[in-house]
Amino acid sequence: MREEIRNLERLEHINEAINVLIEYQTAHTLEEAKSNPVVYFGLVKHVEIIGEAVYKLTLEYRAKHNEVNWGDIERMRHVLVHGYYKIRPQQLWQTIVEDIPNLKPVIVRLIQEEKEKG
C-alpha cells in the first residue's frame, strides 16, 4: 500500500534526480555521455529514480495533480529497467533536455504545497 505521508519524500527524490540530470546535461553532450558508460548509465539511473518515485506516489495524489503526465513517466521507467536493451540514447537525451527542465518547476511547486500542508 502506498503511504500518503511519503508523497513529499517521493517528490523530493524526483527533484533531487532532476537536479542531477540538469547538471550533467549541461556539462556533457549526448556524444560525451554515450562514450562514457558511467555518465550514460548514471543518466539512465536518475530517469529511473524519477519513474520509481512517481510509481510510489499515491494514486489519489497523482489523480489530484494531473497536470503532470505521471503515466508516461512511470512507463519510461519500465522501459529503462525492463527493456534496457532497447534504450535509444537520442530519445533518452531528448527527455533529459526537453522534459526534465519543464518538470522541475511543477515538482518544486508541488513540494512547496506539501510542505505548506504540514
C-alpha atoms as a PDB file:
ATOM      1  CA  MET A   1       0.000   0.000   0.000  1.00  0.00           C
ATOM      2  CA  ARG A   2       1.296   3.427  -0.896  1.00  0.00           C
ATOM      3  CA  GLU A   3       1.609   5.824   2.006  1.00  0.00           C
ATOM      4  CA  GLU A   4       0.229   9.329   1.647  1.00  0.00           C
ATOM      5  CA  ILE A   5       2.728  10.725   4.133  1.00  0.00           C
ATOM      6  CA  ARG A   6       5.531   9.704   1.808  1.00  0.00           C
ATOM      7  CA  ASN A   7       4.311  11.779  -1.141  1.00  0.00           C
ATOM      8  CA  LEU A   8       6.531  14.680  -0.058  1.00  0.00           C
ATOM      9  CA  GLU A   9       9.529  12.376   0.263  1.00  0.00           C
ATOM     10  CA  ARG A  10       8.907  10.963  -3.216  1.00  0.00           C
ATOM     11  CA  LEU A  11       8.582  14.456  -4.686  1.00  0.00           C
ATOM     12  CA  GLU A  12      11.885  15.386  -3.080  1.00  0.00           C
ATOM     13  CA  HIS A  13      13.509  12.289  -4.619  1.00  0.00           C
ATOM     14  CA  ILE A  14      12.174  13.372  -8.006  1.00  0.00           C
ATOM     15  CA  ASN A  15      13.566  16.872  -7.531  1.00  0.00           C
ATOM     16  CA  GLU A  16      16.989  15.546  -6.484  1.00  0.00           C
ATOM     17  CA  ALA A  17      17.176  13.342  -9.589  1.00  0.00           C
ATOM     18  CA  ILE A  18      16.053  16.250 -11.777  1.00  0.00           C
ATOM     19  CA  ASN A  19      18.856  18.396 -10.370  1.00  0.00           C
ATOM     20  CA  VAL A  20      21.461  15.742 -11.183  1.00  0.00           C
ATOM     21  CA  LEU A  21      20.121  15.301 -14.709  1.00  0.00           C
ATOM     22  CA  ILE A  22      20.139  19.032 -15.394  1.00  0.00           C
ATOM     23  CA  GLU A  23      23.673  19.384 -14.031  1.00  0.00           C
ATOM     24  CA  TYR A  24      25.042  16.545 -16.148  1.00  0.00           C
ATOM     25  CA  GLN A  25      23.113  17.534 -19.240  1.00  0.00           C
ATOM     26  CA  THR A  26      24.646  20.982 -19.136  1.00  0.00           C
ATOM     27  CA  ALA A  27      28.145  19.548 -18.532  1.00  0.00           C
ATOM     28  CA  HIS A  28      28.065  16.899 -21.289  1.00  0.00           C
ATOM     29  CA  THR A  29      26.892  16.432 -24.838  1.00  0.00           C
ATOM     30  CA  LEU A  30      24.991  13.336 -25.882  1.00  0.00           C
ATOM     31  CA  GLU A  31      28.103  12.027 -27.624  1.00  0.00           C
ATOM     32  CA  GLU A  32      30.201  12.517 -24.487  1.00  0.00           C
ATOM     33  CA  ALA A  33      27.593  10.773 -22.369  1.00  0.00           C
ATOM     34  CA  LYS A  34      27.339   7.855 -24.803  1.00  0.00           C
ATOM     35  CA  SER A  35      31.113   7.417 -24.836  1.00  0.00           C
ATOM     36  CA  ASN A  36      31.312   7.274 -21.035  1.00  0.00           C
ATOM     37  CA  PRO A  37      29.286   4.361 -19.618  1.00  0.00           C
ATOM     38  CA  VAL A  38      29.419   5.743 -16.078  1.00  0.00           C
ATOM     39  CA  VAL A  39      27.901   9.055 -17.165  1.00  0.00           C
ATOM     40  CA  TYR A  40      25.438   7.443 -19.567  1.00  0.00           C
ATOM     41  CA  PHE A  41      24.094   4.863 -17.136  1.00  0.00           C
ATOM     42  CA  GLY A  42      24.106   7.465 -14.381  1.00  0.00           C
ATOM     43  CA  LEU A  43      21.694   9.472 -16.509  1.00  0.00           C
ATOM     44  CA  VAL A  44      19.593   6.369 -17.135  1.00  0.00           C
ATOM     45  CA  LYS A  45      19.510   5.610 -13.408  1.00  0.00           C
ATOM     46  CA  HIS A  46      18.309   9.089 -12.477  1.00  0.00           C
ATOM     47  CA  VAL A  47      15.485   8.912 -15.008  1.00  0.00           C
ATOM     48  CA  GLU A  48      14.624   5.514 -13.475  1.00  0.00           C
ATOM     49  CA  ILE A  49      14.617   7.075  -9.994  1.00  0.00           C
ATOM     50  CA  ILE A  50      12.125   9.678 -11.155  1.00  0.00           C
ATOM     51  CA  GLY A  51       9.890   6.947 -12.574  1.00  0.00           C
ATOM     52  CA  GLU A  52      10.121   4.821  -9.442  1.00  0.00           C
ATOM     53  CA  ALA A  53       9.329   7.775  -7.191  1.00  0.00           C
ATOM     54  CA  VAL A  54       6.339   8.599  -9.396  1.00  0.00           C
ATOM     55  CA  TYR A  55       5.185   4.990  -9.112  1.00  0.00           C
ATOM     56  CA  LYS A  56       5.376   5.263  -5.316  1.00  0.00           C
ATOM     57  CA  LEU A  57       3.189   8.386  -5.172  1.00  0.00           C
ATOM     58  CA  THR A  58      -0.314   7.562  -4.023  1.00  0.00           C
ATOM     59  CA  LEU A  59      -2.831   7.105  -6.797  1.00  0.00           C
ATOM     60  CA  GLU A  60      -5.007   9.753  -5.155  1.00  0.00           C
ATOM     61  CA  TYR A  61      -2.152  12.237  -5.258  1.00  0.00           C
ATOM     62  CA  ARG A  62      -1.442  11.522  -8.896  1.00  0.00           C
ATOM     63  CA  ALA A  63      -5.121  11.909  -9.784  1.00  0.00           C
ATOM     64  CA  LYS A  64      -5.358  15.187  -7.860  1.00  0.00           C
ATOM     65  CA  HIS A  65      -2.286  16.579  -9.653  1.00  0.00           C
ATOM     66  CA  ASN A  66      -2.990  15.536 -13.197  1.00  0.00           C
ATOM     67  CA  GLU A  67      -1.039  18.472 -14.649  1.00  0.00           C
ATOM     68  CA  VAL A  68       1.856  16.006 -14.760  1.00  0.00           C
ATOM     69  CA  ASN A  69       1.635  13.023 -17.065  1.00  0.00           C
ATOM     70  CA  TRP A  70       2.604  10.564 -14.335  1.00  0.00           C
ATOM     71  CA  GLY A  71       1.758   7.570 -16.504  1.00  0.00           C
ATOM     72  CA  ASP A  72       4.294   8.497 -19.189  1.00  0.00           C
ATOM     73  CA  ILE A  73       6.988   8.952 -16.565  1.00  0.00           C
ATOM     74  CA  GLU A  74       6.210   5.594 -14.984  1.00  0.00           C
ATOM     75  CA  ARG A  75       6.145   3.854 -18.384  1.00  0.00           C
ATOM     76  CA  MET A  76       9.538   5.278 -19.288  1.00  0.00           C
ATOM     77  CA  ARG A  77      10.934   3.832 -16.073  1.00  0.00           C
ATOM     78  CA  HIS A  78       9.596   0.412 -17.015  1.00  0.00           C
ATOM     79  CA  VAL A  79      11.272   0.609 -20.419  1.00  0.00           C
ATOM     80  CA  LEU A  80      14.595   1.665 -18.905  1.00  0.00           C
ATOM     81  CA  VAL A  81      14.540  -1.128 -16.318  1.00  0.00           C
ATOM     82  CA  HIS A  82      12.944  -3.992 -18.217  1.00  0.00           C
ATOM     83  CA  GLY A  83      13.752  -3.031 -21.796  1.00  0.00           C
ATOM     84  CA  TYR A  84      17.258  -1.757 -21.113  1.00  0.00           C
ATOM     85  CA  TYR A  85      18.450  -3.367 -24.350  1.00  0.00           C
ATOM     86  CA  LYS A  86      16.022  -1.196 -26.332  1.00  0.00           C
ATOM     87  CA  ILE A  87      17.054   2.181 -24.894  1.00  0.00           C
ATOM     88  CA  ARG A  88      17.545   4.757 -27.622  1.00  0.00           C
ATOM     89  CA  PRO A  89      20.181   7.249 -26.426  1.00  0.00           C
ATOM     90  CA  GLN A  90      18.719  10.054 -28.548  1.00  0.00           C
ATOM     91  CA  GLN A  91      15.255   9.564 -27.028  1.00  0.00           C
ATOM     92  CA  LEU A  92      16.686   9.442 -23.502  1.00  0.00           C
ATOM     93  CA  TRP A  93      18.684  12.608 -24.168  1.00  0.00           C
ATOM     94  CA  GLN A  94      15.656  14.363 -25.611  1.00  0.00           C
ATOM     95  CA  THR A  95      13.719  13.532 -22.451  1.00  0.00           C
ATOM     96  CA  ILE A  96      16.538  14.901 -20.300  1.00  0.00           C
ATOM     97  CA  VAL A  97      16.962  18.083 -22.335  1.00  0.00           C
ATOM     98  CA  GLU A  98      13.298  18.884 -23.041  1.00  0.00           C
ATOM     99  CA  ASP A  99      11.040  17.206 -20.497  1.00  0.00           C
ATOM    100  CA  ILE A 100      13.098  17.254 -17.311  1.00  0.00           C
ATOM    101  CA  PRO A 101      13.578  21.060 -17.175  1.00  0.00           C
ATOM    102  CA  ASN A 102       9.838  21.515 -17.755  1.00  0.00           C
ATOM    103  CA  LEU A 103       9.038  19.071 -14.965  1.00  0.00           C
ATOM    104  CA  LYS A 104      11.242  20.825 -12.409  1.00  0.00           C
ATOM    105  CA  PRO A 105       9.095  23.915 -11.659  1.00  0.00           C
ATOM    106  CA  VAL A 106       6.000  21.759 -11.292  1.00  0.00           C
ATOM    107  CA  ILE A 107       7.741  19.422  -8.848  1.00  0.00           C
ATOM    108  CA  VAL A 108       9.162  22.376  -6.881  1.00  0.00           C
ATOM    109  CA  ARG A 109       5.656  23.844  -6.620  1.00  0.00           C
ATOM    110  CA  LEU A 110       4.176  20.518  -5.511  1.00  0.00           C
ATOM    111  CA  ILE A 111       6.889  20.146  -2.857  1.00  0.00           C
ATOM    112  CA  GLN A 112       6.116  23.617  -1.558  1.00  0.00           C
ATOM    113  CA  GLU A 113       2.380  22.861  -1.441  1.00  0.00           C
ATOM    114  CA  GLU A 114       3.041  19.653   0.505  1.00  0.00           C
ATOM    115  CA  LYS A 115       5.269  21.460   2.980  1.00  0.00           C
ATOM    116  CA  GLU A 116       2.642  24.154   3.495  1.00  0.00           C
ATOM    117  CA  LYS A 117       0.040  21.492   4.259  1.00  0.00           C
ATOM    118  CA  GLY A 118       2.265  20.416   7.133  1.00  0.00           C
END
